[in-house]
Amino acid sequence: MRYWAAAKAAAGTAEEPYAAATLAEALDAARAAHAANPEFARVLMRCSFLVNGDPVGTRDHTAVALAEGGTVEVLPPFAGG
């Protein structure tokens, strides 16, 4: 998972690996890993996501399959985009 802007600040890292079959599972694991920082979960609620370069949009995160070795981009809203 690659974190950008406020997501990166809240996670305290630019990226970290995931072991999940769906985007929902990956996000749940990330929330658990960063449970000591409640701001991380708040930031994730406002984020949009790209999976292997494709926008997730409004799709149900439980239906977004992740491939081993893939990339999830976590993009909070930001100005000047």
N, C-alpha and C. Protein backbone atom coordinates (compact mmCIF):
# COMPACT_ATOMS: atom_id res chain seq x y z
N MET A 1 0.86 -1.16 0.00
CA MET A 1 0.00 0.00 0.00
C MET A 1 0.90 1.22 0.00
N ARG A 2 0.56 2.16 -0.85
CA ARG A 2 1.28 3.43 -0.90
C ARG A 2 0.37 4.53 -0.37
N TYR A 3 0.88 5.24 0.60
CA TYR A 3 0.11 6.33 1.22
C TYR A 3 0.61 7.67 0.70
N TRP A 4 -0.33 8.57 0.44
CA TRP A 4 0.00 9.90 -0.04
C TRP A 4 -0.54 10.97 0.90
N ALA A 5 0.17 12.08 0.97
CA ALA A 5 -0.24 13.29 1.69
C ALA A 5 -0.67 12.97 3.13
N ALA A 6 -1.90 13.32 3.51
CA ALA A 6 -2.36 13.13 4.88
C ALA A 6 -2.38 11.66 5.29
N ALA A 7 -2.61 10.76 4.35
CA ALA A 7 -2.59 9.33 4.67
C ALA A 7 -1.17 8.90 5.04
N LYS A 8 -0.20 9.42 4.33
CA LYS A 8 1.21 9.13 4.63
C LYS A 8 1.57 9.66 6.02
N ALA A 9 1.15 10.86 6.32
CA ALA A 9 1.43 11.45 7.63
C ALA A 9 0.77 10.64 8.75
N ALA A 10 -0.47 10.24 8.55
CA ALA A 10 -1.19 9.49 9.58
C ALA A 10 -0.61 8.09 9.76
N ALA A 11 -0.16 7.47 8.68
CA ALA A 11 0.43 6.13 8.76
C ALA A 11 1.85 6.17 9.31
N GLY A 12 2.51 7.30 9.13
CA GLY A 12 3.90 7.40 9.57
C GLY A 12 4.86 6.68 8.64
N THR A 13 4.39 6.36 7.45
CA THR A 13 5.22 5.69 6.45
C THR A 13 4.65 5.96 5.07
N ALA A 14 5.48 5.87 4.06
CA ALA A 14 5.03 6.09 2.69
C ALA A 14 4.40 4.84 2.09
N GLU A 15 4.84 3.67 2.54
CA GLU A 15 4.25 2.44 2.02
C GLU A 15 4.50 1.29 2.97
N GLU A 16 3.67 0.27 2.81
CA GLU A 16 3.82 -0.95 3.60
C GLU A 16 3.16 -2.09 2.83
N PRO A 17 3.60 -3.31 3.07
CA PRO A 17 3.03 -4.45 2.34
C PRO A 17 1.63 -4.78 2.85
N TYR A 18 0.88 -5.48 2.02
CA TYR A 18 -0.41 -6.00 2.45
C TYR A 18 -0.47 -7.48 2.12
N ALA A 19 -1.28 -8.20 2.88
CA ALA A 19 -1.55 -9.62 2.62
C ALA A 19 -3.05 -9.76 2.72
N ALA A 20 -3.74 -9.55 1.62
CA ALA A 20 -5.20 -9.55 1.62
C ALA A 20 -5.72 -9.92 0.24
N ALA A 21 -6.90 -10.50 0.21
CA ALA A 21 -7.52 -10.89 -1.05
C ALA A 21 -8.38 -9.77 -1.63
N THR A 22 -8.87 -8.87 -0.77
CA THR A 22 -9.73 -7.78 -1.23
C THR A 22 -9.25 -6.46 -0.63
N LEU A 23 -9.70 -5.37 -1.23
CA LEU A 23 -9.37 -4.05 -0.71
C LEU A 23 -9.91 -3.89 0.70
N ALA A 24 -11.11 -4.38 0.96
CA ALA A 24 -11.69 -4.28 2.30
C ALA A 24 -10.80 -4.95 3.34
N GLU A 25 -10.29 -6.13 3.02
CA GLU A 25 -9.40 -6.85 3.95
C GLU A 25 -8.11 -6.06 4.17
N ALA A 26 -7.54 -5.51 3.11
CA ALA A 26 -6.31 -4.74 3.23
C ALA A 26 -6.51 -3.50 4.09
N LEU A 27 -7.64 -2.82 3.90
CA LEU A 27 -7.91 -1.62 4.69
C LEU A 27 -8.18 -1.96 6.14
N ASP A 28 -8.90 -3.06 6.39
CA ASP A 28 -9.13 -3.50 7.77
C ASP A 28 -7.80 -3.81 8.47
N ALA A 29 -6.90 -4.49 7.77
CA ALA A 29 -5.60 -4.81 8.34
C ALA A 29 -4.77 -3.55 8.61
N ALA A 30 -4.84 -2.59 7.70
CA ALA A 30 -4.11 -1.34 7.89
C ALA A 30 -4.67 -0.57 9.08
N ARG A 31 -6.00 -0.53 9.21
CA ARG A 31 -6.61 0.14 10.38
C ARG A 31 -6.14 -0.52 11.67
N ALA A 32 -6.11 -1.85 11.69
CA ALA A 32 -5.67 -2.58 12.89
C ALA A 32 -4.20 -2.29 13.19
N ALA A 33 -3.38 -2.26 12.16
CA ALA A 33 -1.95 -2.01 12.35
C ALA A 33 -1.67 -0.61 12.88
N HIS A 34 -2.55 0.33 12.56
CA HIS A 34 -2.37 1.72 12.98
C HIS A 34 -3.41 2.14 14.02
N ALA A 35 -3.94 1.19 14.75
CA ALA A 35 -5.00 1.46 15.74
C ALA A 35 -4.56 2.45 16.81
N ALA A 36 -3.28 2.54 17.08
CA ALA A 36 -2.79 3.47 18.10
C ALA A 36 -2.94 4.93 17.66
N ASN A 37 -3.17 5.14 16.37
CA ASN A 37 -3.35 6.49 15.83
C ASN A 37 -4.74 6.60 15.21
N PRO A 38 -5.74 7.06 15.97
CA PRO A 38 -7.10 7.14 15.44
C PRO A 38 -7.24 8.06 14.23
N GLU A 39 -6.30 8.97 14.03
CA GLU A 39 -6.36 9.86 12.86
C GLU A 39 -6.23 9.05 11.56
N PHE A 40 -5.51 7.95 11.61
CA PHE A 40 -5.33 7.12 10.41
C PHE A 40 -6.69 6.64 9.90
N ALA A 41 -7.53 6.11 10.78
CA ALA A 41 -8.86 5.63 10.37
C ALA A 41 -9.72 6.77 9.85
N ARG A 42 -9.62 7.95 10.47
CA ARG A 42 -10.39 9.11 10.00
C ARG A 42 -9.95 9.53 8.60
N VAL A 43 -8.65 9.52 8.35
CA VAL A 43 -8.14 9.88 7.02
C VAL A 43 -8.63 8.87 5.99
N LEU A 44 -8.57 7.58 6.30
CA LEU A 44 -8.98 6.56 5.34
C LEU A 44 -10.43 6.73 4.90
N MET A 45 -11.28 7.22 5.78
CA MET A 45 -12.70 7.40 5.45
C MET A 45 -12.88 8.42 4.33
N ARG A 46 -11.92 9.32 4.16
CA ARG A 46 -12.03 10.38 3.14
C ARG A 46 -11.24 10.06 1.87
N CYS A 47 -10.53 8.95 1.86
CA CYS A 47 -9.61 8.64 0.76
C CYS A 47 -10.31 8.00 -0.43
N SER A 48 -9.65 8.15 -1.56
CA SER A 48 -10.00 7.35 -2.74
C SER A 48 -8.82 6.39 -2.96
N PHE A 49 -9.07 5.37 -3.77
CA PHE A 49 -8.08 4.30 -3.92
C PHE A 49 -7.89 3.94 -5.39
N LEU A 50 -6.66 3.61 -5.71
CA LEU A 50 -6.31 3.03 -7.00
C LEU A 50 -5.75 1.64 -6.73
N VAL A 51 -6.19 0.67 -7.49
CA VAL A 51 -5.64 -0.68 -7.38
C VAL A 51 -4.97 -1.00 -8.71
N ASN A 52 -3.66 -1.15 -8.65
CA ASN A 52 -2.87 -1.38 -9.86
C ASN A 52 -3.15 -0.32 -10.93
N GLY A 53 -3.31 0.92 -10.47
CA GLY A 53 -3.52 2.04 -11.37
C GLY A 53 -4.95 2.31 -11.78
N ASP A 54 -5.88 1.42 -11.40
CA ASP A 54 -7.29 1.58 -11.77
C ASP A 54 -8.08 2.18 -10.60
N PRO A 55 -8.85 3.24 -10.84
CA PRO A 55 -9.65 3.83 -9.77
C PRO A 55 -10.71 2.85 -9.25
N VAL A 56 -10.86 2.82 -7.94
CA VAL A 56 -11.88 1.97 -7.31
C VAL A 56 -13.24 2.64 -7.41
N GLY A 57 -13.26 3.96 -7.28
CA GLY A 57 -14.51 4.69 -7.36
C GLY A 57 -15.47 4.27 -6.26
N THR A 58 -16.73 4.06 -6.63
CA THR A 58 -17.76 3.73 -5.65
C THR A 58 -17.97 2.23 -5.48
N ARG A 59 -17.12 1.41 -6.10
CA ARG A 59 -17.28 -0.05 -5.96
C ARG A 59 -17.14 -0.47 -4.50
N ASP A 60 -17.88 -1.49 -4.14
CA ASP A 60 -17.80 -2.07 -2.81
C ASP A 60 -16.39 -2.63 -2.61
N HIS A 61 -15.74 -2.22 -1.54
CA HIS A 61 -14.36 -2.64 -1.30
C HIS A 61 -14.23 -4.15 -1.10
N THR A 62 -15.31 -4.82 -0.71
CA THR A 62 -15.25 -6.28 -0.56
C THR A 62 -15.22 -6.97 -1.92
N ALA A 63 -15.60 -6.25 -2.97
CA ALA A 63 -15.64 -6.82 -4.32
C ALA A 63 -14.41 -6.46 -5.15
N VAL A 64 -13.49 -5.70 -4.57
CA VAL A 64 -12.28 -5.29 -5.29
C VAL A 64 -11.16 -6.27 -4.94
N ALA A 65 -10.88 -7.15 -5.87
CA ALA A 65 -9.85 -8.18 -5.65
C ALA A 65 -8.46 -7.58 -5.75
N LEU A 66 -7.56 -8.08 -4.91
CA LEU A 66 -6.17 -7.67 -4.94
C LEU A 66 -5.31 -8.85 -5.38
N ALA A 67 -4.33 -8.56 -6.20
CA ALA A 67 -3.39 -9.58 -6.65
C ALA A 67 -2.13 -9.51 -5.81
N GLU A 68 -1.51 -10.64 -5.60
CA GLU A 68 -0.23 -10.67 -4.90
C GLU A 68 0.77 -9.84 -5.68
N GLY A 69 1.48 -8.97 -4.99
CA GLY A 69 2.45 -8.12 -5.64
C GLY A 69 1.86 -6.88 -6.29
N GLY A 70 0.56 -6.67 -6.12
CA GLY A 70 -0.09 -5.50 -6.69
C GLY A 70 0.17 -4.26 -5.85
N THR A 71 -0.44 -3.17 -6.28
CA THR A 71 -0.27 -1.89 -5.59
C THR A 71 -1.62 -1.27 -5.30
N VAL A 72 -1.78 -0.82 -4.07
CA VAL A 72 -2.95 -0.04 -3.66
C VAL A 72 -2.45 1.35 -3.33
N GLU A 73 -2.96 2.35 -4.03
CA GLU A 73 -2.62 3.74 -3.76
C GLU A 73 -3.73 4.33 -2.89
N VAL A 74 -3.36 4.96 -1.79
CA VAL A 74 -4.30 5.56 -0.85
C VAL A 74 -4.18 7.07 -1.00
N LEU A 75 -5.22 7.69 -1.57
CA LEU A 75 -5.18 9.09 -1.96
C LEU A 75 -6.20 9.92 -1.18
N PRO A 76 -5.75 10.67 -0.19
CA PRO A 76 -6.69 11.58 0.47
C PRO A 76 -6.99 12.76 -0.43
N PRO A 77 -8.11 13.45 -0.16
CA PRO A 77 -8.39 14.65 -0.96
C PRO A 77 -7.29 15.69 -0.71
N PHE A 78 -6.85 16.33 -1.76
CA PHE A 78 -5.86 17.38 -1.61
C PHE A 78 -6.04 18.40 -2.71
N ALA A 79 -5.65 19.63 -2.41
CA ALA A 79 -5.84 20.74 -3.36
C ALA A 79 -4.72 20.74 -4.40
N GLY A 80 -5.00 21.28 -5.54
CA GLY A 80 -3.99 21.47 -6.56
C GLY A 80 -3.74 20.24 -7.41
N GLY A 81 -4.50 19.16 -7.18
CA GLY A 81 -4.36 17.89 -7.76
C GLY A 81 -4.04 17.71 -9.15
